[in-house]
């Protein structure tokens, strides 16, 4: 598959970011939040959004690669700079692997924005 025909790896980027310790979730961009607010079913679905809503992927204008923006919400007890670096590295590696599997080796740049910190970690014990 050619690089121009490869679908943007939104799910791959979102899954990689969410797998990093200290990431509580991904923050939807303003456009997603405004669309949800305008929806007639907004109260029922406000807390439910796809993780991909916190990831934006755009082609570089010359078509030579992808630019990925990830907006993270972090849990308490993790250093922001370390977690952001881990998200950057994991997302970049996952997307490069995805693109290589689709015969679309292109450049990838990743920007990580931390929108909220000090969210209490959830207890996952049953």
PDB file of N, CA and C in Angstrom:
ATOM      1  N   UNK A   1       0.858  -1.174   0.000  1.00  0.00           N
ATOM      2  CA  UNK A   1       0.000   0.000   0.000  1.00  0.00           C
ATOM      3  C   UNK A   1       0.898   1.228   0.000  1.00  0.00           C
ATOM      4  N   UNK A   2       0.557   2.196  -0.772  1.00  0.00           N
ATOM      5  CA  UNK A   2       1.350   3.412  -0.859  1.00  0.00           C
ATOM      6  C   UNK A   2       1.154   4.263   0.384  1.00  0.00           C
ATOM      7  N   UNK A   3       2.138   5.095   0.659  1.00  0.00           N
ATOM      8  CA  UNK A   3       2.076   5.945   1.848  1.00  0.00           C
ATOM      9  C   UNK A   3       0.865   6.857   1.826  1.00  0.00           C
ATOM     10  N   UNK A   4       0.462   7.333   0.643  1.00  0.00           N
ATOM     11  CA  UNK A   4      -0.675   8.245   0.577  1.00  0.00           C
ATOM     12  C   UNK A   4      -1.991   7.527   0.806  1.00  0.00           C
ATOM     13  N   UNK A   5      -2.032   6.196   0.624  1.00  0.00           N
ATOM     14  CA  UNK A   5      -3.262   5.453   0.817  1.00  0.00           C
ATOM     15  C   UNK A   5      -3.391   4.836   2.191  1.00  0.00           C
ATOM     16  N   UNK A   6      -2.398   4.977   3.014  1.00  0.00           N
ATOM     17  CA  UNK A   6      -2.429   4.394   4.349  1.00  0.00           C
ATOM     18  C   UNK A   6      -3.317   5.232   5.256  1.00  0.00           C
ATOM     19  N   UNK A   7      -4.307   4.596   5.911  1.00  0.00           N
ATOM     20  CA  UNK A   7      -5.175   5.376   6.802  1.00  0.00           C
ATOM     21  C   UNK A   7      -4.395   5.891   8.003  1.00  0.00           C
ATOM     22  N   UNK A   8      -4.778   7.057   8.505  1.00  0.00           N
ATOM     23  CA  UNK A   8      -4.092   7.594   9.685  1.00  0.00           C
ATOM     24  C   UNK A   8      -4.215   6.629  10.863  1.00  0.00           C
ATOM     25  N   UNK A   9      -3.138   6.364  11.543  1.00  0.00           N
ATOM     26  CA  UNK A   9      -3.140   5.387  12.640  1.00  0.00           C
ATOM     27  C   UNK A   9      -3.624   5.961  13.968  1.00  0.00           C
ATOM     28  N   UNK A  10      -4.833   6.515  13.984  1.00  0.00           N
ATOM     29  CA  UNK A  10      -5.372   7.117  15.207  1.00  0.00           C
ATOM     30  C   UNK A  10      -5.450   6.121  16.362  1.00  0.00           C
ATOM     31  N   UNK A  11      -6.038   4.974  16.092  1.00  0.00           N
ATOM     32  CA  UNK A  11      -6.202   3.973  17.144  1.00  0.00           C
ATOM     33  C   UNK A  11      -4.880   3.468  17.678  1.00  0.00           C
ATOM     34  N   UNK A  12      -3.903   3.316  16.784  1.00  0.00           N
ATOM     35  CA  UNK A  12      -2.572   2.857  17.190  1.00  0.00           C
ATOM     36  C   UNK A  12      -1.933   3.876  18.128  1.00  0.00           C
ATOM     37  N   UNK A  13      -2.002   5.143  17.756  1.00  0.00           N
ATOM     38  CA  UNK A  13      -1.422   6.206  18.579  1.00  0.00           C
ATOM     39  C   UNK A  13      -2.133   6.304  19.929  1.00  0.00           C
ATOM     40  N   UNK A  14      -3.464   6.228  19.920  1.00  0.00           N
ATOM     41  CA  UNK A  14      -4.225   6.324  21.170  1.00  0.00           C
ATOM     42  C   UNK A  14      -3.906   5.158  22.099  1.00  0.00           C
ATOM     43  N   UNK A  15      -3.865   3.943  21.556  1.00  0.00           N
ATOM     44  CA  UNK A  15      -3.572   2.769  22.381  1.00  0.00           C
ATOM     45  C   UNK A  15      -2.170   2.846  22.979  1.00  0.00           C
ATOM     46  N   UNK A  16      -1.208   3.309  22.189  1.00  0.00           N
ATOM     47  CA  UNK A  16       0.168   3.427  22.687  1.00  0.00           C
ATOM     48  C   UNK A  16       0.248   4.444  23.819  1.00  0.00           C
ATOM     49  N   UNK A  17      -0.436   5.567  23.678  1.00  0.00           N
ATOM     50  CA  UNK A  17      -0.413   6.597  24.719  1.00  0.00           C
ATOM     51  C   UNK A  17      -1.084   6.098  25.994  1.00  0.00           C
ATOM     52  N   UNK A  18      -2.213   5.426  25.851  1.00  0.00           N
ATOM     53  CA  UNK A  18      -2.951   4.949  27.024  1.00  0.00           C
ATOM     54  C   UNK A  18      -2.217   3.836  27.766  1.00  0.00           C
ATOM     55  N   UNK A  19      -1.288   3.157  27.097  1.00  0.00           N
ATOM     56  CA  UNK A  19      -0.537   2.071  27.726  1.00  0.00           C
ATOM     57  C   UNK A  19       0.605   2.576  28.606  1.00  0.00           C
ATOM     58  N   UNK A  20       0.908   3.855  28.536  1.00  0.00           N
ATOM     59  CA  UNK A  20       2.012   4.420  29.320  1.00  0.00           C
ATOM     60  C   UNK A  20       1.566   4.612  30.772  1.00  0.00           C
ATOM     61  N   UNK A  21       2.344   4.091  31.733  1.00  0.00           N
ATOM     62  CA  UNK A  21       2.000   4.304  33.141  1.00  0.00           C
ATOM     63  C   UNK A  21       1.933   5.801  33.462  1.00  0.00           C
ATOM     64  N   UNK A  22       0.878   6.179  34.168  1.00  0.00           N
ATOM     65  CA  UNK A  22       0.693   7.583  34.525  1.00  0.00           C
ATOM     66  C   UNK A  22      -0.305   8.306  33.650  1.00  0.00           C
ATOM     67  N   UNK A  23      -0.699   7.704  32.530  1.00  0.00           N
ATOM     68  CA  UNK A  23      -1.691   8.331  31.654  1.00  0.00           C
ATOM     69  C   UNK A  23      -3.071   7.844  32.080  1.00  0.00           C
ATOM     70  N   UNK A  24      -3.897   8.777  32.558  1.00  0.00           N
ATOM     71  CA  UNK A  24      -5.252   8.437  32.997  1.00  0.00           C
ATOM     72  C   UNK A  24      -6.213   8.384  31.821  1.00  0.00           C
ATOM     73  N   UNK A  25      -5.934   9.166  30.799  1.00  0.00           N
ATOM     74  CA  UNK A  25      -6.806   9.209  29.632  1.00  0.00           C
ATOM     75  C   UNK A  25      -6.284  10.216  28.637  1.00  0.00           C
ATOM     76  N   UNK A  26      -7.025  10.369  27.561  1.00  0.00           N
ATOM     77  CA  UNK A  26      -6.675  11.340  26.535  1.00  0.00           C
ATOM     78  C   UNK A  26      -7.751  12.408  26.505  1.00  0.00           C
ATOM     79  N   UNK A  27      -7.344  13.642  26.410  1.00  0.00           N
ATOM     80  CA  UNK A  27      -8.246  14.794  26.457  1.00  0.00           C
ATOM     81  C   UNK A  27      -8.719  15.123  25.050  1.00  0.00           C
ATOM     82  N   UNK A  28     -10.035  15.108  24.823  1.00  0.00           N
ATOM     83  CA  UNK A  28     -10.537  15.484  23.504  1.00  0.00           C
ATOM     84  C   UNK A  28     -10.190  16.932  23.174  1.00  0.00           C
ATOM     85  N   UNK A  29      -9.971  17.188  21.904  1.00  0.00           N
ATOM     86  CA  UNK A  29      -9.708  18.550  21.459  1.00  0.00           C
ATOM     87  C   UNK A  29     -11.006  19.342  21.505  1.00  0.00           C
ATOM     88  N   UNK A  30     -10.894  20.640  21.405  1.00  0.00           N
ATOM     89  CA  UNK A  30     -12.045  21.530  21.498  1.00  0.00           C
ATOM     90  C   UNK A  30     -13.110  21.184  20.465  1.00  0.00           C
ATOM     91  N   UNK A  31     -12.712  20.854  19.250  1.00  0.00           N
ATOM     92  CA  UNK A  31     -13.685  20.532  18.202  1.00  0.00           C
ATOM     93  C   UNK A  31     -14.548  19.339  18.603  1.00  0.00           C
ATOM     94  N   UNK A  32     -13.944  18.324  19.210  1.00  0.00           N
ATOM     95  CA  UNK A  32     -14.712  17.164  19.656  1.00  0.00           C
ATOM     96  C   UNK A  32     -15.662  17.534  20.791  1.00  0.00           C
ATOM     97  N   UNK A  33     -15.190  18.382  21.702  1.00  0.00           N
ATOM     98  CA  UNK A  33     -16.038  18.775  22.826  1.00  0.00           C
ATOM     99  C   UNK A  33     -17.201  19.638  22.367  1.00  0.00           C
ATOM    100  N   UNK A  34     -16.963  20.537  21.413  1.00  0.00           N
ATOM    101  CA  UNK A  34     -18.049  21.372  20.892  1.00  0.00           C
ATOM    102  C   UNK A  34     -19.076  20.529  20.145  1.00  0.00           C
ATOM    103  N   UNK A  35     -18.610  19.564  19.368  1.00  0.00           N
ATOM    104  CA  UNK A  35     -19.532  18.684  18.650  1.00  0.00           C
ATOM    105  C   UNK A  35     -20.380  17.883  19.631  1.00  0.00           C
ATOM    106  N   UNK A  36     -19.767  17.405  20.705  1.00  0.00           N
ATOM    107  CA  UNK A  36     -20.518  16.649  21.709  1.00  0.00           C
ATOM    108  C   UNK A  36     -21.538  17.538  22.409  1.00  0.00           C
ATOM    109  N   UNK A  37     -21.162  18.786  22.678  1.00  0.00           N
ATOM    110  CA  UNK A  37     -22.077  19.708  23.348  1.00  0.00           C
ATOM    111  C   UNK A  37     -23.266  20.049  22.467  1.00  0.00           C
ATOM    112  N   UNK A  38     -23.066  20.080  21.165  1.00  0.00           N
ATOM    113  CA  UNK A  38     -24.141  20.414  20.236  1.00  0.00           C
ATOM    114  C   UNK A  38     -25.051  19.227  19.952  1.00  0.00           C
ATOM    115  N   UNK A  39     -24.620  18.050  20.321  1.00  0.00           N
ATOM    116  CA  UNK A  39     -25.397  16.842  20.071  1.00  0.00           C
ATOM    117  C   UNK A  39     -26.609  16.798  20.997  1.00  0.00           C
ATOM    118  N   UNK A  40     -27.785  16.389  20.471  1.00  0.00           N
ATOM    119  CA  UNK A  40     -28.974  16.305  21.325  1.00  0.00           C
ATOM    120  C   UNK A  40     -28.828  15.277  22.450  1.00  0.00           C
ATOM    121  N   UNK A  41     -27.965  14.297  22.273  1.00  0.00           N
ATOM    122  CA  UNK A  41     -27.785  13.262  23.291  1.00  0.00           C
ATOM    123  C   UNK A  41     -26.602  13.562  24.194  1.00  0.00           C
ATOM    124  N   UNK A  42     -26.147  14.788  24.220  1.00  0.00           N
ATOM    125  CA  UNK A  42     -24.927  15.142  24.929  1.00  0.00           C
ATOM    126  C   UNK A  42     -24.907  14.710  26.392  1.00  0.00           C
ATOM    127  N   UNK A  43     -25.958  14.942  27.209  1.00  0.00           N
ATOM    128  CA  UNK A  43     -25.859  14.558  28.620  1.00  0.00           C
ATOM    129  C   UNK A  43     -25.589  13.070  28.827  1.00  0.00           C
ATOM    130  N   UNK A  44     -26.149  12.227  27.973  1.00  0.00           N
ATOM    131  CA  UNK A  44     -25.961  10.791  28.137  1.00  0.00           C
ATOM    132  C   UNK A  44     -24.585  10.332  27.679  1.00  0.00           C
ATOM    133  N   UNK A  45     -23.973  11.070  26.764  1.00  0.00           N
ATOM    134  CA  UNK A  45     -22.715  10.609  26.180  1.00  0.00           C
ATOM    135  C   UNK A  45     -21.533  11.497  26.521  1.00  0.00           C
ATOM    136  N   UNK A  46     -21.727  12.503  27.345  1.00  0.00           N
ATOM    137  CA  UNK A  46     -20.649  13.458  27.620  1.00  0.00           C
ATOM    138  C   UNK A  46     -19.412  12.782  28.200  1.00  0.00           C
ATOM    139  N   UNK A  47     -19.605  11.804  29.062  1.00  0.00           N
ATOM    140  CA  UNK A  47     -18.459  11.150  29.684  1.00  0.00           C
ATOM    141  C   UNK A  47     -17.861  10.066  28.794  1.00  0.00           C
ATOM    142  N   UNK A  48     -18.526   9.751  27.686  1.00  0.00           N
ATOM    143  CA  UNK A  48     -18.062   8.688  26.811  1.00  0.00           C
ATOM    144  C   UNK A  48     -17.554   9.292  25.513  1.00  0.00           C
ATOM    145  N   UNK A  49     -16.271   9.175  25.279  1.00  0.00           N
ATOM    146  CA  UNK A  49     -15.716   9.598  24.009  1.00  0.00           C
ATOM    147  C   UNK A  49     -14.618   8.622  23.633  1.00  0.00           C
ATOM    148  N   UNK A  50     -14.437   8.469  22.362  1.00  0.00           N
ATOM    149  CA  UNK A  50     -13.403   7.559  21.884  1.00  0.00           C
ATOM    150  C   UNK A  50     -12.035   8.090  22.283  1.00  0.00           C
ATOM    151  N   UNK A  51     -11.121   7.211  22.664  1.00  0.00           N
ATOM    152  CA  UNK A  51      -9.779   7.668  23.012  1.00  0.00           C
ATOM    153  C   UNK A  51      -9.118   8.431  21.866  1.00  0.00           C
ATOM    154  N   UNK A  52      -9.501   8.102  20.635  1.00  0.00           N
ATOM    155  CA  UNK A  52      -8.925   8.767  19.473  1.00  0.00           C
ATOM    156  C   UNK A  52      -9.229  10.261  19.457  1.00  0.00           C
ATOM    157  N   UNK A  53     -10.242  10.691  20.231  1.00  0.00           N
ATOM    158  CA  UNK A  53     -10.583  12.114  20.274  1.00  0.00           C
ATOM    159  C   UNK A  53      -9.443  12.940  20.857  1.00  0.00           C
ATOM    160  N   UNK A  54      -8.549  12.315  21.600  1.00  0.00           N
ATOM    161  CA  UNK A  54      -7.407  13.014  22.176  1.00  0.00           C
ATOM    162  C   UNK A  54      -6.165  12.974  21.309  1.00  0.00           C
ATOM    163  N   UNK A  55      -6.312  12.446  20.089  1.00  0.00           N
ATOM    164  CA  UNK A  55      -5.183  12.343  19.165  1.00  0.00           C
ATOM    165  C   UNK A  55      -5.556  13.036  17.866  1.00  0.00           C
ATOM    166  N   UNK A  56      -4.635  13.829  17.365  1.00  0.00           N
ATOM    167  CA  UNK A  56      -4.828  14.464  16.059  1.00  0.00           C
ATOM    168  C   UNK A  56      -3.658  14.057  15.174  1.00  0.00           C
ATOM    169  N   UNK A  57      -3.972  13.596  13.986  1.00  0.00           N
ATOM    170  CA  UNK A  57      -2.935  13.196  13.034  1.00  0.00           C
ATOM    171  C   UNK A  57      -3.171  13.936  11.727  1.00  0.00           C
ATOM    172  N   UNK A  58      -2.138  14.617  11.267  1.00  0.00           N
ATOM    173  CA  UNK A  58      -2.202  15.356  10.004  1.00  0.00           C
ATOM    174  C   UNK A  58      -1.026  14.957   9.131  1.00  0.00           C
ATOM    175  N   UNK A  59      -1.261  14.960   7.823  1.00  0.00           N
ATOM    176  CA  UNK A  59      -0.163  14.756   6.880  1.00  0.00           C
ATOM    177  C   UNK A  59       0.689  16.017   6.854  1.00  0.00           C
ATOM    178  N   UNK A  60       1.988  15.837   6.724  1.00  0.00           N
ATOM    179  CA  UNK A  60       2.886  16.968   6.523  1.00  0.00           C
ATOM    180  C   UNK A  60       2.551  17.544   5.144  1.00  0.00           C
ATOM    181  N   UNK A  61       2.529  18.869   4.984  1.00  0.00           N
ATOM    182  CA  UNK A  61       2.100  19.471   3.718  1.00  0.00           C
ATOM    183  C   UNK A  61       2.768  18.902   2.464  1.00  0.00           C
ATOM    184  N   UNK A  62       4.032  18.526   2.556  1.00  0.00           N
ATOM    185  CA  UNK A  62       4.691  17.984   1.362  1.00  0.00           C
ATOM    186  C   UNK A  62       4.435  16.488   1.181  1.00  0.00           C
ATOM    187  N   UNK A  63       3.635  15.884   2.077  1.00  0.00           N
ATOM    188  CA  UNK A  63       3.267  14.479   1.954  1.00  0.00           C
ATOM    189  C   UNK A  63       4.345  13.506   2.407  1.00  0.00           C
ATOM    190  N   UNK A  64       5.397  14.000   3.030  1.00  0.00           N
ATOM    191  CA  UNK A  64       6.525  13.139   3.388  1.00  0.00           C
ATOM    192  C   UNK A  64       6.368  12.442   4.739  1.00  0.00           C
ATOM    193  N   UNK A  65       5.296  12.699   5.448  1.00  0.00           N
ATOM    194  CA  UNK A  65       5.140  12.064   6.752  1.00  0.00           C
ATOM    195  C   UNK A  65       3.885  12.510   7.471  1.00  0.00           C
ATOM    196  N   UNK A  66       3.858  12.217   8.763  1.00  0.00           N
ATOM    197  CA  UNK A  66       2.717  12.510   9.618  1.00  0.00           C
ATOM    198  C   UNK A  66       3.171  13.361  10.793  1.00  0.00           C
ATOM    199  N   UNK A  67       2.287  14.239  11.245  1.00  0.00           N
ATOM    200  CA  UNK A  67       2.486  14.951  12.506  1.00  0.00           C
ATOM    201  C   UNK A  67       1.370  14.502  13.445  1.00  0.00           C
ATOM    202  N   UNK A  68       1.741  14.060  14.628  1.00  0.00           N
ATOM    203  CA  UNK A  68       0.787  13.522  15.596  1.00  0.00           C
ATOM    204  C   UNK A  68       0.799  14.390  16.847  1.00  0.00           C
ATOM    205  N   UNK A  69      -0.390  14.787  17.282  1.00  0.00           N
ATOM    206  CA  UNK A  69      -0.541  15.530  18.536  1.00  0.00           C
ATOM    207  C   UNK A  69      -1.345  14.667  19.498  1.00  0.00           C
ATOM    208  N   UNK A  70      -0.815  14.458  20.693  1.00  0.00           N
ATOM    209  CA  UNK A  70      -1.481  13.654  21.719  1.00  0.00           C
ATOM    210  C   UNK A  70      -1.715  14.543  22.933  1.00  0.00           C
ATOM    211  N   UNK A  71      -2.971  14.585  23.415  1.00  0.00           N
ATOM    212  CA  UNK A  71      -3.330  15.398  24.584  1.00  0.00           C
ATOM    213  C   UNK A  71      -3.646  14.447  25.737  1.00  0.00           C
ATOM    214  N   UNK A  72      -2.805  14.477  26.761  1.00  0.00           N
ATOM    215  CA  UNK A  72      -2.881  13.513  27.864  1.00  0.00           C
ATOM    216  C   UNK A  72      -3.405  14.122  29.154  1.00  0.00           C
ATOM    217  N   UNK A  73      -4.107  13.296  29.900  1.00  0.00           N
ATOM    218  CA  UNK A  73      -4.496  13.581  31.279  1.00  0.00           C
ATOM    219  C   UNK A  73      -3.691  12.600  32.123  1.00  0.00           C
ATOM    220  N   UNK A  74      -2.945  13.115  33.101  1.00  0.00           N
ATOM    221  CA  UNK A  74      -2.056  12.269  33.890  1.00  0.00           C
ATOM    222  C   UNK A  74      -2.578  12.024  35.296  1.00  0.00           C
ATOM    223  N   UNK A  75      -2.185  10.885  35.850  1.00  0.00           N
ATOM    224  CA  UNK A  75      -2.513  10.573  37.236  1.00  0.00           C
ATOM    225  C   UNK A  75      -1.472  11.192  38.152  1.00  0.00           C
ATOM    226  N   UNK A  76      -1.809  11.280  39.425  1.00  0.00           N
ATOM    227  CA  UNK A  76      -0.844  11.815  40.386  1.00  0.00           C
ATOM    228  C   UNK A  76       0.264  10.789  40.614  1.00  0.00           C
ATOM    229  N   UNK A  77       1.382  11.283  41.101  1.00  0.00           N
ATOM    230  CA  UNK A  77       2.476  10.385  41.436  1.00  0.00           C
ATOM    231  C   UNK A  77       3.428  10.097  40.292  1.00  0.00           C
ATOM    232  N   UNK A  78       3.240  10.739  39.160  1.00  0.00           N
ATOM    233  CA  UNK A  78       4.139  10.559  38.021  1.00  0.00           C
ATOM    234  C   UNK A  78       4.673  11.921  37.603  1.00  0.00           C
ATOM    235  N   UNK A  79       5.966  11.966  37.319  1.00  0.00           N
ATOM    236  CA  UNK A  79       6.549  13.221  36.850  1.00  0.00           C
ATOM    237  C   UNK A  79       6.051  13.512  35.444  1.00  0.00           C
ATOM    238  N   UNK A  80       5.570  14.728  35.242  1.00  0.00           N
ATOM    239  CA  UNK A  80       4.990  15.119  33.961  1.00  0.00           C
ATOM    240  C   UNK A  80       5.996  14.961  32.833  1.00  0.00           C
ATOM    241  N   UNK A  81       7.204  15.449  33.028  1.00  0.00           N
ATOM    242  CA  UNK A  81       8.193  15.406  31.950  1.00  0.00           C
ATOM    243  C   UNK A  81       8.541  13.964  31.574  1.00  0.00           C
ATOM    244  N   UNK A  82       8.658  13.084  32.563  1.00  0.00           N
ATOM    245  CA  UNK A  82       8.982  11.688  32.269  1.00  0.00           C
ATOM    246  C   UNK A  82       7.836  10.993  31.548  1.00  0.00           C
ATOM    247  N   UNK A  83       6.622  11.229  32.012  1.00  0.00           N
ATOM    248  CA  UNK A  83       5.464  10.601  31.386  1.00  0.00           C
ATOM    249  C   UNK A  83       5.271  11.116  29.967  1.00  0.00           C
ATOM    250  N   UNK A  84       5.414  12.417  29.771  1.00  0.00           N
ATOM    251  CA  UNK A  84       5.282  12.982  28.424  1.00  0.00           C
ATOM    252  C   UNK A  84       6.339  12.402  27.487  1.00  0.00           C
ATOM    253  N   UNK A  85       7.550  12.243  27.968  1.00  0.00           N
ATOM    254  CA  UNK A  85       8.618  11.653  27.154  1.00  0.00           C
ATOM    255  C   UNK A  85       8.279  10.204  26.805  1.00  0.00           C
ATOM    256  N   UNK A  86       7.764   9.452  27.777  1.00  0.00           N
ATOM    257  CA  UNK A  86       7.384   8.062  27.518  1.00  0.00           C
ATOM    258  C   UNK A  86       6.250   7.980  26.503  1.00  0.00           C
ATOM    259  N   UNK A  87       5.262   8.866  26.625  1.00  0.00           N
ATOM    260  CA  UNK A  87       4.162   8.892  25.651  1.00  0.00           C
ATOM    261  C   UNK A  87       4.719   9.184  24.265  1.00  0.00           C
ATOM    262  N   UNK A  88       5.567  10.188  24.169  1.00  0.00           N
ATOM    263  CA  UNK A  88       6.181  10.542  22.883  1.00  0.00           C
ATOM    264  C   UNK A  88       6.867   9.328  22.259  1.00  0.00           C
ATOM    265  N   UNK A  89       7.721   8.676  23.033  1.00  0.00           N
ATOM    266  CA  UNK A  89       8.497   7.554  22.510  1.00  0.00           C
ATOM    267  C   UNK A  89       7.615   6.371  22.128  1.00  0.00           C
ATOM    268  N   UNK A  90       6.628   6.049  22.978  1.00  0.00           N
ATOM    269  CA  UNK A  90       5.757   4.908  22.699  1.00  0.00           C
ATOM    270  C   UNK A  90       4.863   5.153  21.486  1.00  0.00           C
ATOM    271  N   UNK A  91       4.308   6.345  21.387  1.00  0.00           N
ATOM    272  CA  UNK A  91       3.445   6.670  20.241  1.00  0.00           C
ATOM    273  C   UNK A  91       4.260   6.645  18.955  1.00  0.00           C
ATOM    274  N   UNK A  92       5.419   7.261  18.979  1.00  0.00           N
ATOM    275  CA  UNK A  92       6.261   7.296  17.776  1.00  0.00           C
ATOM    276  C   UNK A  92       6.633   5.883  17.333  1.00  0.00           C
ATOM    277  N   UNK A  93       7.069   5.042  18.271  1.00  0.00           N
ATOM    278  CA  UNK A  93       7.459   3.671  17.936  1.00  0.00           C
ATOM    279  C   UNK A  93       6.276   2.871  17.390  1.00  0.00           C
ATOM    280  N   UNK A  94       5.111   3.007  18.015  1.00  0.00           N
ATOM    281  CA  UNK A  94       3.936   2.256  17.572  1.00  0.00           C
ATOM    282  C   UNK A  94       3.489   2.684  16.181  1.00  0.00           C
ATOM    283  N   UNK A  95       3.495   3.981  15.924  1.00  0.00           N
ATOM    284  CA  UNK A  95       3.061   4.477  14.615  1.00  0.00           C
ATOM    285  C   UNK A  95       4.069   4.097  13.537  1.00  0.00           C
ATOM    286  N   UNK A  96       5.357   4.202  13.835  1.00  0.00           N
ATOM    287  CA  UNK A  96       6.367   3.790  12.852  1.00  0.00           C
ATOM    288  C   UNK A  96       6.229   2.308  12.525  1.00  0.00           C
ATOM    289  N   UNK A  97       5.960   1.480  13.528  1.00  0.00           N
ATOM    290  CA  UNK A  97       5.751   0.052  13.306  1.00  0.00           C
ATOM    291  C   UNK A  97       4.517  -0.188  12.440  1.00  0.00           C
ATOM    292  N   UNK A  98       3.440   0.522  12.731  1.00  0.00           N
ATOM    293  CA  UNK A  98       2.206   0.418  11.950  1.00  0.00           C
ATOM    294  C   UNK A  98       2.460   0.796  10.493  1.00  0.00           C
ATOM    295  N   UNK A  99       3.145   1.913  10.287  1.00  0.00           N
ATOM    296  CA  UNK A  99       3.410   2.372   8.922  1.00  0.00           C
ATOM    297  C   UNK A  99       4.323   1.405   8.181  1.00  0.00           C
ATOM    298  N   UNK A 100       5.316   0.853   8.858  1.00  0.00           N
ATOM    299  CA  UNK A 100       6.207  -0.120   8.222  1.00  0.00           C
ATOM    300  C   UNK A 100       5.440  -1.374   7.813  1.00  0.00           C
ATOM    301  N   UNK A 101       4.490  -1.798   8.648  1.00  0.00           N
ATOM    302  CA  UNK A 101       3.674  -2.974   8.324  1.00  0.00           C
ATOM    303  C   UNK A 101       2.776  -2.732   7.119  1.00  0.00           C
ATOM    304  N   UNK A 102       2.489  -1.467   6.836  1.00  0.00           N
ATOM    305  CA  UNK A 102       1.658  -1.109   5.684  1.00  0.00           C
ATOM    306  C   UNK A 102       2.501  -0.588   4.522  1.00  0.00           C
ATOM    307  N   UNK A 103       3.798  -0.919   4.541  1.00  0.00           N
ATOM    308  CA  UNK A 103       4.725  -0.488   3.486  1.00  0.00           C
ATOM    309  C   UNK A 103       4.658   1.007   3.246  1.00  0.00           C
ATOM    310  N   UNK A 104       4.562   1.760   4.316  1.00  0.00           N
ATOM    311  CA  UNK A 104       4.482   3.214   4.209  1.00  0.00           C
ATOM    312  C   UNK A 104       5.493   3.866   5.146  1.00  0.00           C
ATOM    313  N   UNK A 105       6.784   3.545   4.984  1.00  0.00           N
ATOM    314  CA  UNK A 105       7.770   4.153   5.879  1.00  0.00           C
ATOM    315  C   UNK A 105       7.945   5.633   5.575  1.00  0.00           C
ATOM    316  N   UNK A 106       7.457   6.449   6.473  1.00  0.00           N
ATOM    317  CA  UNK A 106       7.560   7.898   6.322  1.00  0.00           C
ATOM    318  C   UNK A 106       7.971   8.499   7.653  1.00  0.00           C
ATOM    319  N   UNK A 107       8.325   9.763   7.634  1.00  0.00           N
ATOM    320  CA  UNK A 107       8.720  10.458   8.857  1.00  0.00           C
ATOM    321  C   UNK A 107       7.509  10.683   9.759  1.00  0.00           C
ATOM    322  N   UNK A 108       7.741  10.624  11.051  1.00  0.00           N
ATOM    323  CA  UNK A 108       6.687  10.849  12.039  1.00  0.00           C
ATOM    324  C   UNK A 108       7.220  11.805  13.097  1.00  0.00           C
ATOM    325  N   UNK A 109       6.478  12.879  13.347  1.00  0.00           N
ATOM    326  CA  UNK A 109       6.795  13.754  14.471  1.00  0.00           C
ATOM    327  C   UNK A 109       5.637  13.673  15.457  1.00  0.00           C
ATOM    328  N   UNK A 110       5.961  13.717  16.732  1.00  0.00           N
ATOM    329  CA  UNK A 110       4.946  13.584  17.780  1.00  0.00           C
ATOM    330  C   UNK A 110       5.081  14.755  18.742  1.00  0.00           C
ATOM    331  N   UNK A 111       3.946  15.382  19.055  1.00  0.00           N
ATOM    332  CA  UNK A 111       3.874  16.422  20.070  1.00  0.00           C
ATOM    333  C   UNK A 111       2.958  15.925  21.176  1.00  0.00           C
ATOM    334  N   UNK A 112       3.415  16.004  22.410  1.00  0.00           N
ATOM    335  CA  UNK A 112       2.607  15.579  23.552  1.00  0.00           C
ATOM    336  C   UNK A 112       2.266  16.812  24.372  1.00  0.00           C
ATOM    337  N   UNK A 113       0.972  16.992  24.628  1.00  0.00           N
ATOM    338  CA  UNK A 113       0.494  18.087  25.458  1.00  0.00           C
ATOM    339  C   UNK A 113      -0.174  17.491  26.688  1.00  0.00           C
ATOM    340  N   UNK A 114       0.260  17.902  27.860  1.00  0.00           N
ATOM    341  CA  UNK A 114      -0.362  17.450  29.101  1.00  0.00           C
ATOM    342  C   UNK A 114      -1.383  18.503  29.490  1.00  0.00           C
ATOM    343  N   UNK A 115      -2.664  18.106  29.543  1.00  0.00           N
ATOM    344  CA  UNK A 115      -3.731  19.068  29.806  1.00  0.00           C
ATOM    345  C   UNK A 115      -4.149  19.111  31.265  1.00  0.00           C
ATOM    346  N   UNK A 116      -4.066  17.997  31.967  1.00  0.00           N
ATOM    347  CA  UNK A 116      -4.493  17.933  33.362  1.00  0.00           C
ATOM    348  C   UNK A 116      -3.530  17.006  34.096  1.00  0.00           C
ATOM    349  N   UNK A 117      -3.169  17.391  35.309  1.00  0.00           N
ATOM    350  CA  UNK A 117      -2.350  16.508  36.136  1.00  0.00           C
ATOM    351  C   UNK A 117      -3.018  16.347  37.491  1.00  0.00           C
ATOM    352  N   UNK A 118      -2.482  15.452  38.279  1.00  0.00           N
ATOM    353  CA  UNK A 118      -2.948  15.184  39.643  1.00  0.00           C
ATOM    354  C   UNK A 118      -4.336  14.558  39.700  1.00  0.00           C
ATOM    355  N   UNK A 119      -4.669  13.764  38.709  1.00  0.00           N
ATOM    356  CA  UNK A 119      -5.897  12.975  38.773  1.00  0.00           C
ATOM    357  C   UNK A 119      -5.592  11.777  39.674  1.00  0.00           C
ATOM    358  N   UNK A 120      -6.452  11.509  40.629  1.00  0.00           N
ATOM    359  CA  UNK A 120      -6.218  10.387  41.531  1.00  0.00           C
ATOM    360  C   UNK A 120      -6.208   9.095  40.734  1.00  0.00           C
ATOM    361  N   UNK A 121      -5.220   8.269  40.989  1.00  0.00           N
ATOM    362  CA  UNK A 121      -5.111   6.985  40.301  1.00  0.00           C
ATOM    363  C   UNK A 121      -6.277   6.104  40.721  1.00  0.00           C
ATOM    364  N   UNK A 122      -6.818   5.382  39.745  1.00  0.00           N
ATOM    365  CA  UNK A 122      -7.925   4.478  40.029  1.00  0.00           C
ATOM    366  C   UNK A 122      -7.388   3.156  40.544  1.00  0.00           C
ATOM    367  N   UNK A 123      -8.092   2.589  41.501  1.00  0.00           N
ATOM    368  CA  UNK A 123      -7.717   1.285  42.026  1.00  0.00           C
ATOM    369  C   UNK A 123      -8.332   0.239  41.116  1.00  0.00           C
ATOM    370  N   UNK A 124      -7.486  -0.579  40.479  1.00  0.00           N
ATOM    371  CA  UNK A 124      -7.969  -1.571  39.528  1.00  0.00           C
ATOM    372  C   UNK A 124      -8.130  -2.952  40.154  1.00  0.00           C
ATOM    373  N   UNK A 125      -8.076  -3.058  41.473  1.00  0.00           N
ATOM    374  CA  UNK A 125      -8.234  -4.359  42.109  1.00  0.00           C
ATOM    375  C   UNK A 125      -9.703  -4.718  42.164  1.00  0.00           C
ATOM    376  N   UNK A 126      -9.960  -5.996  42.124  1.00  0.00           N
ATOM    377  CA  UNK A 126     -11.343  -6.473  42.153  1.00  0.00           C
ATOM    378  C   UNK A 126     -11.638  -7.115  43.474  1.00  0.00           C
TER     379      UNK A 126
END
